C-alpha atoms as a PDB file:
ATOM      1  CA  MET A   1      16.606  -5.222   9.027  1.00  0.00           C
ATOM      2  CA  PHE A   2      17.415  -3.743   5.593  1.00  0.00           C
ATOM      3  CA  LYS A   3      19.004  -5.879   2.922  1.00  0.00           C
ATOM      4  CA  ARG A   4      22.026  -3.823   1.929  1.00  0.00           C
ATOM      5  CA  ASN A   5      24.218  -4.170  -1.124  1.00  0.00           C
ATOM      6  CA  LYS A   6      27.925  -4.625  -0.620  1.00  0.00           C
ATOM      7  CA  GLY A   7      30.310  -1.750  -1.168  1.00  0.00           C
ATOM      8  CA  ASN A   8      31.005   1.691   0.225  1.00  0.00           C
ATOM      9  CA  SER A   9      28.002   3.956  -0.300  1.00  0.00           C
ATOM     10  CA  GLU A  10      28.895   6.827   2.050  1.00  0.00           C
ATOM     11  CA  PHE A  11      29.338   9.306  -0.801  1.00  0.00           C
ATOM     12  CA  ALA A  12      26.066   8.204  -2.422  1.00  0.00           C
ATOM     13  CA  ASP A  13      24.176   8.436   0.877  1.00  0.00           C
ATOM     14  CA  GLN A  14      25.492  11.988   1.415  1.00  0.00           C
ATOM     15  CA  TRP A  15      24.256  12.835  -2.076  1.00  0.00           C
ATOM     16  CA  LEU A  16      20.854  11.434  -1.065  1.00  0.00           C
ATOM     17  CA  ALA A  17      20.789  13.550   2.088  1.00  0.00           C
ATOM     18  CA  ASP A  18      21.589  16.684   0.063  1.00  0.00           C
ATOM     19  CA  ALA A  19      18.880  16.029  -2.555  1.00  0.00           C
ATOM     20  CA  PRO A  20      16.081  18.619  -2.939  1.00  0.00           C
ATOM     21  CA  PRO A  21      13.454  18.180  -0.206  1.00  0.00           C
ATOM     22  CA  ASN A  22       9.933  16.848  -0.440  1.00  0.00           C
ATOM     23  CA  GLU A  23       8.514  19.009   2.338  1.00  0.00           C
ATOM     24  CA  THR A  24       5.475  16.813   2.944  1.00  0.00           C
ATOM     25  CA  LEU A  25       7.384  13.553   3.333  1.00  0.00           C
ATOM     26  CA  ASP A  26      10.248  15.185   5.220  1.00  0.00           C
ATOM     27  CA  THR A  27       7.786  16.775   7.666  1.00  0.00           C
ATOM     28  CA  LEU A  28       6.141  13.432   8.370  1.00  0.00           C
ATOM     29  CA  ASP A  29       9.488  11.826   9.145  1.00  0.00           C
ATOM     30  CA  ARG A  30      10.287  14.704  11.495  1.00  0.00           C
ATOM     31  CA  VAL A  31       6.948  14.764  13.320  1.00  0.00           C
ATOM     32  CA  ILE A  32       6.111  11.063  13.599  1.00  0.00           C
ATOM     33  CA  ASN A  33       7.994   8.666  15.855  1.00  0.00           C
ATOM     34  CA  TRP A  34       7.857   5.538  13.721  1.00  0.00           C
ATOM     35  CA  GLU A  35       9.386   3.232  16.334  1.00  0.00           C
ATOM     36  CA  PRO A  36       6.101   2.315  18.113  1.00  0.00           C
ATOM     37  CA  ILE A  37       4.618   1.529  14.695  1.00  0.00           C
ATOM     38  CA  ARG A  38       7.631  -0.658  13.889  1.00  0.00           C
ATOM     39  CA  LYS A  39       7.238  -2.607  17.135  1.00  0.00           C
ATOM     40  CA  ARG A  40       3.548  -3.183  16.475  1.00  0.00           C
ATOM     41  CA  LEU A  41       4.024  -4.224  12.843  1.00  0.00           C
ATOM     42  CA  THR A  42       6.789  -6.633  13.820  1.00  0.00           C
ATOM     43  CA  THR A  43       4.186  -8.773  15.600  1.00  0.00           C
ATOM     44  CA  ALA A  44       2.866  -9.798  12.164  1.00  0.00           C
ATOM     45  CA  TYR A  45       6.180 -11.539  11.448  1.00  0.00           C
ATOM     46  CA  ALA A  46       7.529 -14.856  12.727  1.00  0.00           C
ATOM     47  CA  SER A  47      10.068 -14.465  15.534  1.00  0.00           C
ATOM     48  CA  SER A  48      12.529 -16.735  13.747  1.00  0.00           C
ATOM     49  CA  GLY A  49      13.604 -17.184  10.165  1.00  0.00           C
ATOM     50  CA  ARG A  50      15.356 -15.060   7.571  1.00  0.00           C
ATOM     51  CA  ARG A  51      15.527 -11.361   8.315  1.00  0.00           C
ATOM     52  CA  GLY A  52      13.261  -9.453   5.985  1.00  0.00           C
ATOM     53  CA  PHE A  53      12.674  -5.840   5.084  1.00  0.00           C
ATOM     54  CA  ASP A  54      11.907  -3.243   7.740  1.00  0.00           C
ATOM     55  CA  PRO A  55       8.094  -3.284   8.296  1.00  0.00           C
ATOM     56  CA  VAL A  56       7.980   0.514   8.605  1.00  0.00           C
ATOM     57  CA  MET A  57       9.662   0.804   5.213  1.00  0.00           C
ATOM     58  CA  MET A  58       7.072  -1.610   3.805  1.00  0.00           C
ATOM     59  CA  LEU A  59       4.251   0.426   5.355  1.00  0.00           C
ATOM     60  CA  LYS A  60       5.699   3.627   3.913  1.00  0.00           C
ATOM     61  CA  LEU A  61       5.870   2.001   0.478  1.00  0.00           C
ATOM     62  CA  THR A  62       2.195   1.066   0.853  1.00  0.00           C
ATOM     63  CA  LEU A  63       1.347   4.637   1.850  1.00  0.00           C
ATOM     64  CA  LEU A  64       3.224   6.060  -1.150  1.00  0.00           C
ATOM     65  CA  GLN A  65       1.440   3.599  -3.407  1.00  0.00           C
ATOM     66  CA  HIS A  66      -1.992   4.864  -2.351  1.00  0.00           C
ATOM     67  CA  TRP A  67      -0.843   8.484  -2.037  1.00  0.00           C
ATOM     68  CA  TYR A  68       0.196   8.643  -5.692  1.00  0.00           C
ATOM     69  CA  GLN A  69      -2.102   5.881  -7.071  1.00  0.00           C
ATOM     70  CA  LEU A  70       0.750   3.580  -8.103  1.00  0.00           C
ATOM     71  CA  SER A  71       0.722  -0.145  -8.834  1.00  0.00           C
ATOM     72  CA  ASP A  72       2.914  -2.575  -6.888  1.00  0.00           C
ATOM     73  CA  THR A  73       5.518  -2.568  -9.630  1.00  0.00           C
ATOM     74  CA  ARG A  74       5.328   1.170 -10.268  1.00  0.00           C
ATOM     75  CA  VAL A  75       5.834   2.222  -6.644  1.00  0.00           C
ATOM     76  CA  ILE A  76       9.040   0.147  -6.507  1.00  0.00           C
ATOM     77  CA  GLU A  77      10.244   1.782  -9.732  1.00  0.00           C
ATOM     78  CA  GLU A  78       9.483   5.253  -8.395  1.00  0.00           C
ATOM     79  CA  ALA A  79      11.217   4.478  -5.111  1.00  0.00           C
ATOM     80  CA  SER A  80      14.269   3.386  -7.091  1.00  0.00           C
ATOM     81  CA  ASP A  81      14.365   6.665  -9.038  1.00  0.00           C
ATOM     82  CA  ARG A  82      13.090   9.319  -6.645  1.00  0.00           C
ATOM     83  CA  LEU A  83      15.568  10.456  -4.015  1.00  0.00           C
ATOM     84  CA  SER A  84      12.753  11.978  -1.941  1.00  0.00           C
ATOM     85  CA  PHE A  85      11.042   8.580  -1.788  1.00  0.00           C
ATOM     86  CA  ARG A  86      14.284   6.875  -0.737  1.00  0.00           C
ATOM     87  CA  ARG A  87      14.866   9.413   2.013  1.00  0.00           C
ATOM     88  CA  PHE A  88      11.289   8.946   3.310  1.00  0.00           C
ATOM     89  CA  LEU A  89      11.704   5.169   3.229  1.00  0.00           C
ATOM     90  CA  GLY A  90      15.019   5.380   5.072  1.00  0.00           C
ATOM     91  CA  VAL A  91      16.700   3.559   2.196  1.00  0.00           C
ATOM     92  CA  GLY A  92      20.222   4.522   1.183  1.00  0.00           C
ATOM     93  CA  VAL A  93      21.430   4.509  -2.406  1.00  0.00           C
ATOM     94  CA  GLY A  94      23.232   1.251  -1.661  1.00  0.00           C
ATOM     95  CA  ASP A  95      20.191  -0.425  -0.099  1.00  0.00           C
ATOM     96  CA  THR A  96      18.083  -3.041  -1.830  1.00  0.00           C
ATOM     97  CA  LEU A  97      14.401  -2.367  -2.336  1.00  0.00           C
ATOM     98  CA  PRO A  98      11.802  -5.139  -2.128  1.00  0.00           C
ATOM     99  CA  ASP A  99      10.155  -6.398  -5.274  1.00  0.00           C
ATOM    100  CA  ALA A 100       6.429  -6.272  -6.027  1.00  0.00           C
ATOM    101  CA  THR A 101       5.878  -9.805  -4.723  1.00  0.00           C
ATOM    102  CA  THR A 102       7.326  -8.845  -1.335  1.00  0.00           C
ATOM    103  CA  LEU A 103       4.950  -5.862  -1.206  1.00  0.00           C
ATOM    104  CA  VAL A 104       2.016  -8.205  -1.887  1.00  0.00           C
ATOM    105  CA  ARG A 105       3.147 -10.506   0.933  1.00  0.00           C
ATOM    106  CA  PHE A 106       3.342  -7.548   3.318  1.00  0.00           C
ATOM    107  CA  ARG A 107      -0.182  -6.524   2.334  1.00  0.00           C
ATOM    108  CA  ASN A 108      -1.372 -10.071   3.060  1.00  0.00           C
ATOM    109  CA  ARG A 109       0.225  -9.868   6.510  1.00  0.00           C
ATOM    110  CA  LEU A 110      -1.795  -6.732   7.218  1.00  0.00           C
ATOM    111  CA  ILE A 111      -4.976  -8.460   6.059  1.00  0.00           C
ATOM    112  CA  LYS A 112      -4.360 -11.474   8.311  1.00  0.00           C
ATOM    113  CA  ASN A 113      -3.677  -9.111  11.238  1.00  0.00           C
ATOM    114  CA  ASP A 114      -6.592  -6.796  10.502  1.00  0.00           C
ATOM    115  CA  ASP A 115      -6.328  -4.785  13.731  1.00  0.00           C
ATOM    116  CA  LEU A 116      -2.836  -3.502  12.904  1.00  0.00           C
ATOM    117  CA  LEU A 117      -3.853  -0.752  10.488  1.00  0.00           C
ATOM    118  CA  CYS A 118      -6.627   0.378  12.847  1.00  0.00           C
ATOM    119  CA  GLU A 119      -3.990   0.731  15.569  1.00  0.00           C
ATOM    120  CA  VAL A 120      -1.695   2.647  13.212  1.00  0.00           C
ATOM    121  CA  LEU A 121      -4.603   4.976  12.361  1.00  0.00           C
ATOM    122  CA  ASP A 122      -5.229   5.542  16.073  1.00  0.00           C
ATOM    123  CA  TYR A 123      -1.516   6.219  16.642  1.00  0.00           C
ATOM    124  CA  VAL A 124      -1.342   8.749  13.807  1.00  0.00           C
ATOM    125  CA  ASN A 125      -4.466  10.457  15.148  1.00  0.00           C
ATOM    126  CA  ALA A 126      -2.903  10.586  18.621  1.00  0.00           C
ATOM    127  CA  THR A 127       0.160  12.223  17.041  1.00  0.00           C
ATOM    128  CA  ILE A 128      -2.115  14.786  15.377  1.00  0.00           C
ATOM    129  CA  ALA A 129      -3.780  15.471  18.731  1.00  0.00           C
ATOM    130  CA  SER A 130      -0.358  15.895  20.357  1.00  0.00           C
ATOM    131  CA  GLN A 131       0.339  18.717  17.892  1.00  0.00           C
ATOM    132  CA  GLY A 132      -2.549  20.697  19.390  1.00  0.00           C
ATOM    133  CA  PHE A 133      -5.467  19.611  17.194  1.00  0.00           C
ATOM    134  CA  ALA A 134      -8.492  18.531  19.220  1.00  0.00           C
ATOM    135  CA  LEU A 135     -10.122  15.386  17.844  1.00  0.00           C
ATOM    136  CA  ASN A 136     -12.937  15.222  20.398  1.00  0.00           C
ATOM    137  CA  THR A 137     -15.251  17.810  18.848  1.00  0.00           C
ATOM    138  CA  GLY A 138     -17.853  15.261  17.731  1.00  0.00           C
ATOM    139  CA  ARG A 139     -18.236  12.893  14.795  1.00  0.00           C
ATOM    140  CA  ILE A 140     -19.845  12.922  11.377  1.00  0.00           C
ATOM    141  CA  VAL A 141     -20.873   9.490  10.094  1.00  0.00           C
ATOM    142  CA  ASP A 142     -21.715   8.677   6.482  1.00  0.00           C
ATOM    143  CA  ALA A 143     -21.235   6.056   3.751  1.00  0.00           C
ATOM    144  CA  SER A 144     -20.243   6.161   0.090  1.00  0.00           C
ATOM    145  CA  LEU A 145     -20.391   3.613  -2.719  1.00  0.00           C
ATOM    146  CA  VAL A 146     -17.147   2.279  -4.223  1.00  0.00           C
ATOM    147  CA  LYS A 147     -16.976   0.358  -7.499  1.00  0.00           C
ATOM    148  CA  ALA A 148     -15.701  -3.200  -7.419  1.00  0.00           C
ATOM    149  CA  ARG A 149     -12.329  -4.081  -8.927  1.00  0.00           C
ATOM    150  CA  THR A 150     -14.099  -6.272 -11.475  1.00  0.00           C
ATOM    151  CA  ARG A 151     -17.029  -5.224 -13.638  1.00  0.00           C
ATOM    152  CA  PRO A 152     -20.412  -6.971 -13.466  1.00  0.00           C
ATOM    153  CA  ARG A 153     -21.300  -9.406 -16.220  1.00  0.00           C
ATOM    154  CA  SER A 154     -23.707  -8.210 -18.873  1.00  0.00           C
ATOM    155  CA  LYS A 155     -26.839 -10.229 -19.580  1.00  0.00           C
ATOM    156  CA  GLY A 156     -25.230 -11.853 -22.613  1.00  0.00           C
ATOM    157  CA  ASP A 157     -22.136 -13.027 -20.766  1.00  0.00           C
ATOM    158  CA  GLY A 158     -23.830 -15.770 -18.782  1.00  0.00           C
ATOM    159  CA  GLY A 159     -22.467 -16.995 -15.488  1.00  0.00           C
ATOM    160  CA  ASP A 160     -22.697 -15.332 -12.101  1.00  0.00           C
ATOM    161  CA  GLU A 161     -20.930 -12.261 -10.710  1.00  0.00           C
ATOM    162  CA  SER A 162     -20.325 -14.175  -7.490  1.00  0.00           C
ATOM    163  CA  GLU A 163     -17.947 -16.434  -9.382  1.00  0.00           C
ATOM    164  CA  ILE A 164     -15.660 -13.437  -9.953  1.00  0.00           C
ATOM    165  CA  GLU A 165     -16.091 -11.320  -6.833  1.00  0.00           C
ATOM    166  CA  PRO A 166     -18.379 -13.085  -4.358  1.00  0.00           C
ATOM    167  CA  GLU A 167     -18.367 -10.353  -1.682  1.00  0.00           C
ATOM    168  CA  ALA A 168     -19.397  -7.529  -4.015  1.00  0.00           C
ATOM    169  CA  ASP A 169     -23.055  -7.021  -4.791  1.00  0.00           C
ATOM    170  CA  LYS A 170     -25.523  -4.673  -6.448  1.00  0.00           C
ATOM    171  CA  THR A 171     -27.610  -1.755  -5.285  1.00  0.00           C
ATOM    172  CA  VAL A 172     -29.365   1.230  -6.844  1.00  0.00           C
ATOM    173  CA  LYS A 173     -28.715   4.853  -5.900  1.00  0.00           C
ATOM    174  CA  ARG A 174     -30.660   7.745  -7.401  1.00  0.00           C
ATOM    175  CA  GLY A 175     -31.987   5.410 -10.049  1.00  0.00           C
ATOM    176  CA  LYS A 176     -28.533   4.221 -11.160  1.00  0.00           C
ATOM    177  CA  PRO A 177     -27.273   0.646 -10.637  1.00  0.00           C
ATOM    178  CA  HIS A 178     -24.052   0.137  -8.716  1.00  0.00           C
ATOM    179  CA  TYR A 179     -21.914  -2.980  -8.362  1.00  0.00           C
ATOM    180  CA  GLY A 180     -19.325  -3.137  -5.626  1.00  0.00           C
ATOM    181  CA  TYR A 181     -18.964  -2.077  -2.026  1.00  0.00           C
ATOM    182  CA  LYS A 182     -19.916   0.596   0.459  1.00  0.00           C
ATOM    183  CA  MET A 183     -17.316   2.491   2.495  1.00  0.00           C
ATOM    184  CA  HIS A 184     -18.519   3.618   5.924  1.00  0.00           C
ATOM    185  CA  MET A 185     -16.601   6.360   7.688  1.00  0.00           C
ATOM    186  CA  ALA A 186     -16.513   8.633  10.714  1.00  0.00           C
ATOM    187  CA  VAL A 187     -14.620  11.942  10.790  1.00  0.00           C
ATOM    188  CA  ASP A 188     -13.961  14.541  13.448  1.00  0.00           C
ATOM    189  CA  VAL A 189     -16.326  17.513  13.157  1.00  0.00           C
ATOM    190  CA  GLU A 190     -13.722  20.293  13.284  1.00  0.00           C
ATOM    191  CA  THR A 191     -10.629  18.815  11.634  1.00  0.00           C
ATOM    192  CA  ASN A 192     -12.294  16.325   9.230  1.00  0.00           C
ATOM    193  CA  ILE A 193      -9.713  13.755  10.349  1.00  0.00           C
ATOM    194  CA  VAL A 194     -10.837  10.176   9.657  1.00  0.00           C
ATOM    195  CA  THR A 195     -11.317   8.358  12.958  1.00  0.00           C
ATOM    196  CA  ALA A 196     -12.821   5.068  11.752  1.00  0.00           C
ATOM    197  CA  VAL A 197     -13.598   3.297   8.490  1.00  0.00           C
ATOM    198  CA  ASP A 198     -15.209   0.043   7.429  1.00  0.00           C
ATOM    199  CA  VAL A 199     -16.339  -1.646   4.201  1.00  0.00           C
ATOM    200  CA  THR A 200     -19.438  -3.751   3.464  1.00  0.00           C
ATOM    201  CA  PRO A 201     -21.115  -5.074   0.308  1.00  0.00           C
ATOM    202  CA  ALA A 202     -22.897  -2.273  -1.538  1.00  0.00           C
ATOM    203  CA  SER A 203     -26.406  -3.423  -0.651  1.00  0.00           C
ATOM    204  CA  HIS A 204     -25.872  -3.114   3.106  1.00  0.00           C
ATOM    205  CA  HIS A 205     -27.743  -0.244   4.701  1.00  0.00           C
ATOM    206  CA  ASP A 206     -25.732   2.834   5.657  1.00  0.00           C
ATOM    207  CA  SER A 207     -26.538   2.313   9.334  1.00  0.00           C
ATOM    208  CA  THR A 208     -25.200  -1.289   9.428  1.00  0.00           C
ATOM    209  CA  VAL A 209     -21.944  -0.368  11.194  1.00  0.00           C
ATOM    210  CA  PHE A 210     -23.036   2.901  12.847  1.00  0.00           C
ATOM    211  CA  GLU A 211     -22.062   1.960  16.404  1.00  0.00           C
ATOM    212  CA  GLN A 212     -18.829   0.270  15.280  1.00  0.00           C
ATOM    213  CA  LEU A 213     -17.586   3.578  13.834  1.00  0.00           C
ATOM    214  CA  LEU A 214     -17.967   5.350  17.168  1.00  0.00           C
ATOM    215  CA  ASP A 215     -16.185   5.100  20.518  1.00  0.00           C
ATOM    216  CA  GLY A 216     -19.265   5.829  22.598  1.00  0.00           C
ATOM    217  CA  ASP A 217     -17.800   8.908  24.310  1.00  0.00           C
ATOM    218  CA  GLU A 218     -18.243  11.472  21.519  1.00  0.00           C
ATOM    219  CA  PRO A 219     -19.990  14.697  22.580  1.00  0.00           C
ATOM    220  CA  THR A 220     -22.066  14.884  19.379  1.00  0.00           C
ATOM    221  CA  VAL A 221     -22.804  12.725  16.327  1.00  0.00           C
ATOM    222  CA  TYR A 222     -24.084  14.034  12.985  1.00  0.00           C
ATOM    223  CA  ALA A 223     -25.636  11.739  10.362  1.00  0.00           C
ATOM    224  CA  ASP A 224     -28.148  12.034   7.536  1.00  0.00           C
ATOM    225  CA  LYS A 225     -31.716  10.700   7.409  1.00  0.00           C
ATOM    226  CA  GLY A 226     -30.490   7.271   6.360  1.00  0.00           C
ATOM    227  CA  TYR A 227     -29.409   6.703   9.974  1.00  0.00           C
ATOM    228  CA  GLU A 228     -32.852   7.553  11.376  1.00  0.00           C
ATOM    229  CA  GLY A 229     -34.074   4.842  13.720  1.00  0.00           C
ATOM    230  CA  ALA A 230     -35.139   4.283  17.306  1.00  0.00           C
ATOM    231  CA  GLU A 231     -32.248   1.889  18.033  1.00  0.00           C
ATOM    232  CA  ARG A 232     -29.559   4.386  17.038  1.00  0.00           C
ATOM    233  CA  ARG A 233     -31.222   7.257  18.848  1.00  0.00           C
ATOM    234  CA  ARG A 234     -31.518   5.077  21.961  1.00  0.00           C
ATOM    235  CA  TRP A 235     -27.828   4.077  21.711  1.00  0.00           C
ATOM    236  CA  LEU A 236     -26.783   7.726  21.483  1.00  0.00           C
ATOM    237  CA  ARG A 237     -29.000   8.666  24.415  1.00  0.00           C
ATOM    238  CA  GLU A 238     -27.727   5.816  26.603  1.00  0.00           C
ATOM    239  CA  ASN A 239     -24.128   6.902  25.916  1.00  0.00           C
ATOM    240  CA  GLY A 240     -24.826  10.555  26.672  1.00  0.00           C
ATOM    241  CA  ILE A 241     -24.122  11.626  23.079  1.00  0.00           C
ATOM    242  CA  GLU A 242     -25.979  14.573  21.582  1.00  0.00           C
ATOM    243  CA  ASP A 243     -28.127  13.215  18.754  1.00  0.00           C
ATOM    244  CA  ARG A 244     -27.826  15.222  15.553  1.00  0.00           C
ATOM    245  CA  ILE A 245     -29.189  12.659  13.133  1.00  0.00           C
ATOM    246  CA  ALA A 246     -31.315  14.512  10.592  1.00  0.00           C
ATOM    247  CA  ARG A 247     -35.037  14.407  11.357  1.00  0.00           C
ATOM    248  CA  ARG A 248     -37.320  12.611   8.922  1.00  0.00           C
ATOM    249  CA  ALA A 249     -40.975  13.363   8.371  1.00  0.00           C
ATOM    250  CA  ALA A 250     -43.412  10.569   9.198  1.00  0.00           C
ATOM    251  CA  ARG A 251     -46.805   9.790   7.723  1.00  0.00           C
ATOM    252  CA  ASN A 252     -49.283  12.437   8.853  1.00  0.00           C
ATOM    253  CA  HIS A 253     -46.468  14.093  10.842  1.00  0.00           C
ATOM    254  CA  PRO A 254     -44.648  16.553   8.568  1.00  0.00           C
ATOM    255  CA  LEU A 255     -41.567  18.330   9.833  1.00  0.00           C
ATOM    256  CA  THR A 256     -42.089  21.700  11.450  1.00  0.00           C
ATOM    257  CA  GLN A 257     -40.349  24.751  10.006  1.00  0.00           C
ATOM    258  CA  GLN A 258     -38.023  24.719  13.012  1.00  0.00           C
ATOM    259  CA  ALA A 259     -37.070  21.063  12.350  1.00  0.00           C
ATOM    260  CA  LYS A 260     -36.420  21.846   8.684  1.00  0.00           C
ATOM    261  CA  GLN A 261     -34.179  24.761   9.650  1.00  0.00           C
ATOM    262  CA  ILE A 262     -32.225  22.558  12.099  1.00  0.00           C
ATOM    263  CA  ASN A 263     -31.789  19.914   9.367  1.00  0.00           C
ATOM    264  CA  ARG A 264     -30.350  22.551   7.038  1.00  0.00           C
ATOM    265  CA  GLN A 265     -27.901  23.736   9.700  1.00  0.00           C
ATOM    266  CA  TRP A 266     -26.758  20.190  10.420  1.00  0.00           C
ATOM    267  CA  SER A 267     -26.509  19.447   6.697  1.00  0.00           C
ATOM    268  CA  ARG A 268     -23.887  22.164   6.259  1.00  0.00           C
ATOM    269  CA  ILE A 269     -21.757  20.488   8.917  1.00  0.00           C
ATOM    270  CA  ARG A 270     -22.301  17.005   7.453  1.00  0.00           C
ATOM    271  CA  SER A 271     -21.096  18.204   4.048  1.00  0.00           C
ATOM    272  CA  ARG A 272     -17.537  18.147   5.413  1.00  0.00           C
ATOM    273  CA  ILE A 273     -17.430  14.363   5.218  1.00  0.00           C
ATOM    274  CA  GLU A 274     -18.519  14.545   1.575  1.00  0.00           C
ATOM    275  CA  ARG A 275     -15.385  16.570   0.873  1.00  0.00           C
ATOM    276  CA  LYS A 276     -13.346  13.841   2.560  1.00  0.00           C
ATOM    277  CA  PHE A 277     -14.947  11.153   0.407  1.00  0.00           C
ATOM    278  CA  GLY A 278     -14.251  13.313  -2.631  1.00  0.00           C
ATOM    279  CA  GLU A 279     -10.590  13.730  -1.693  1.00  0.00           C
ATOM    280  CA  MET A 280     -10.149   9.982  -1.216  1.00  0.00           C
ATOM    281  CA  LYS A 281     -11.830   9.132  -4.514  1.00  0.00           C
ATOM    282  CA  LEU A 282     -10.425  11.879  -6.735  1.00  0.00           C
ATOM    283  CA  TRP A 283      -6.818  11.966  -5.511  1.00  0.00           C
ATOM    284  CA  HIS A 284      -6.214   8.534  -3.976  1.00  0.00           C
ATOM    285  CA  GLY A 285      -8.120   6.013  -6.068  1.00  0.00           C
ATOM    286  CA  MET A 286     -11.014   5.143  -3.752  1.00  0.00           C
ATOM    287  CA  ALA A 287     -13.612   5.514  -6.513  1.00  0.00           C
ATOM    288  CA  ARG A 288     -12.813   1.901  -7.454  1.00  0.00           C
ATOM    289  CA  MET A 289     -11.316  -0.910  -5.413  1.00  0.00           C
ATOM    290  CA  ARG A 290      -7.737  -1.829  -6.292  1.00  0.00           C
ATOM    291  CA  TYR A 291      -8.215  -5.369  -5.005  1.00  0.00           C
ATOM    292  CA  VAL A 292     -10.858  -8.097  -4.915  1.00  0.00           C
ATOM    293  CA  GLY A 293     -12.756  -8.856  -1.702  1.00  0.00           C
ATOM    294  CA  LEU A 294     -13.941  -7.199   1.494  1.00  0.00           C
ATOM    295  CA  ALA A 295     -10.745  -7.689   3.507  1.00  0.00           C
ATOM    296  CA  ARG A 296      -8.566  -6.131   0.816  1.00  0.00           C
ATOM    297  CA  GLY A 297     -11.157  -3.408   0.282  1.00  0.00           C
ATOM    298  CA  LYS A 298     -11.038  -2.504   3.962  1.00  0.00           C
ATOM    299  CA  LEU A 299      -7.234  -2.423   3.811  1.00  0.00           C
ATOM    300  CA  GLN A 300      -7.426   0.008   0.882  1.00  0.00           C
ATOM    301  CA  ALA A 301      -9.908   2.207   2.758  1.00  0.00           C
ATOM    302  CA  LEU A 302      -7.750   2.240   5.906  1.00  0.00           C
ATOM    303  CA  VAL A 303      -4.531   3.032   4.029  1.00  0.00           C
ATOM    304  CA  THR A 304      -6.296   5.811   2.126  1.00  0.00           C
ATOM    305  CA  ALA A 305      -7.656   7.220   5.394  1.00  0.00           C
ATOM    306  CA  LEU A 306      -4.117   7.145   6.787  1.00  0.00           C
ATOM    307  CA  VAL A 307      -2.850   9.025   3.733  1.00  0.00           C
ATOM    308  CA  THR A 308      -5.412  11.819   4.095  1.00  0.00           C
ATOM    309  CA  ASN A 309      -4.706  12.163   7.829  1.00  0.00           C
ATOM    310  CA  LEU A 310      -0.951  12.239   7.187  1.00  0.00           C
ATOM    311  CA  LYS A 311      -1.470  14.960   4.577  1.00  0.00           C
ATOM    312  CA  PHE A 312      -3.330  17.014   7.209  1.00  0.00           C
ATOM    313  CA  LEU A 313      -0.503  16.501   9.700  1.00  0.00           C
ATOM    314  CA  ALA A 314       2.199  17.431   7.187  1.00  0.00           C
ATOM    315  CA  ASP A 315       0.337  20.537   5.999  1.00  0.00           C
ATOM    316  CA  ARG A 316      -0.203  21.842   9.533  1.00  0.00           C
ATOM    317  CA  CYS A 317       3.300  21.071  10.803  1.00  0.00           C
ATOM    318  CA  ALA A 318       5.356  22.145   7.786  1.00  0.00           C
END
């Protein structure tokens, strides 16, 4: 499905194969069977019409973009120059790369077929499990604020924020105003692998998508006091899941010393997901949305989750 330039490029392709390795990217190509992903991504394309670029190559470009925090134009430029990128993409020296507009169109295909990236995340996680890493040790659930792509208007600007980014909104955390979105996530207790992610407007309560982040067969679920509530505890109990949502004191019913000690023990385990949020924000650009809107924000969160899980896989299988 590649668009290939004319001419004999055998010598150039051998030069590409002999280029210095990028161990992380090379390990991923060795460990992951990309063919099932290709078959699934192909369903987002029309069955007839002009042959386009390989969807796996387009996905890999998208992964590299979020891995190294590159713009649409910049990731194409880097893929043109870096031999390690070309080898990971499966693109020979004589092969044509897509332009930035083609990358945008691919991203729009993923948004219209919003289950595809969730399925790719599940497939990557299954590959991780096949390498001997258990992903059924329980879940940690939490949420983190993400700044909107656009900035809120100041009082003197006039107009309405909703005219710019209608799905972003405002909230206050620790006395500080925030404009944007909230990323909700579940990770495996032992490996810190991301198992599910979602995005809502910032003002939505942390517990809004609690059940949607879980499969219902987890042995244990950890969450902070923000998830306290009879409905969630009942849901966990009905599904046979051990409830490790932090206990909250009620009026005239302070926590016992034993309950406080249990909360502290659970808090140390929950802190693992904070490290995951930190990794995604510091190294992969999730502190601020790259795009406008919930659907594009969820795509960014899913791709970033994929990147962090792929890094885990490459590190452990190198």
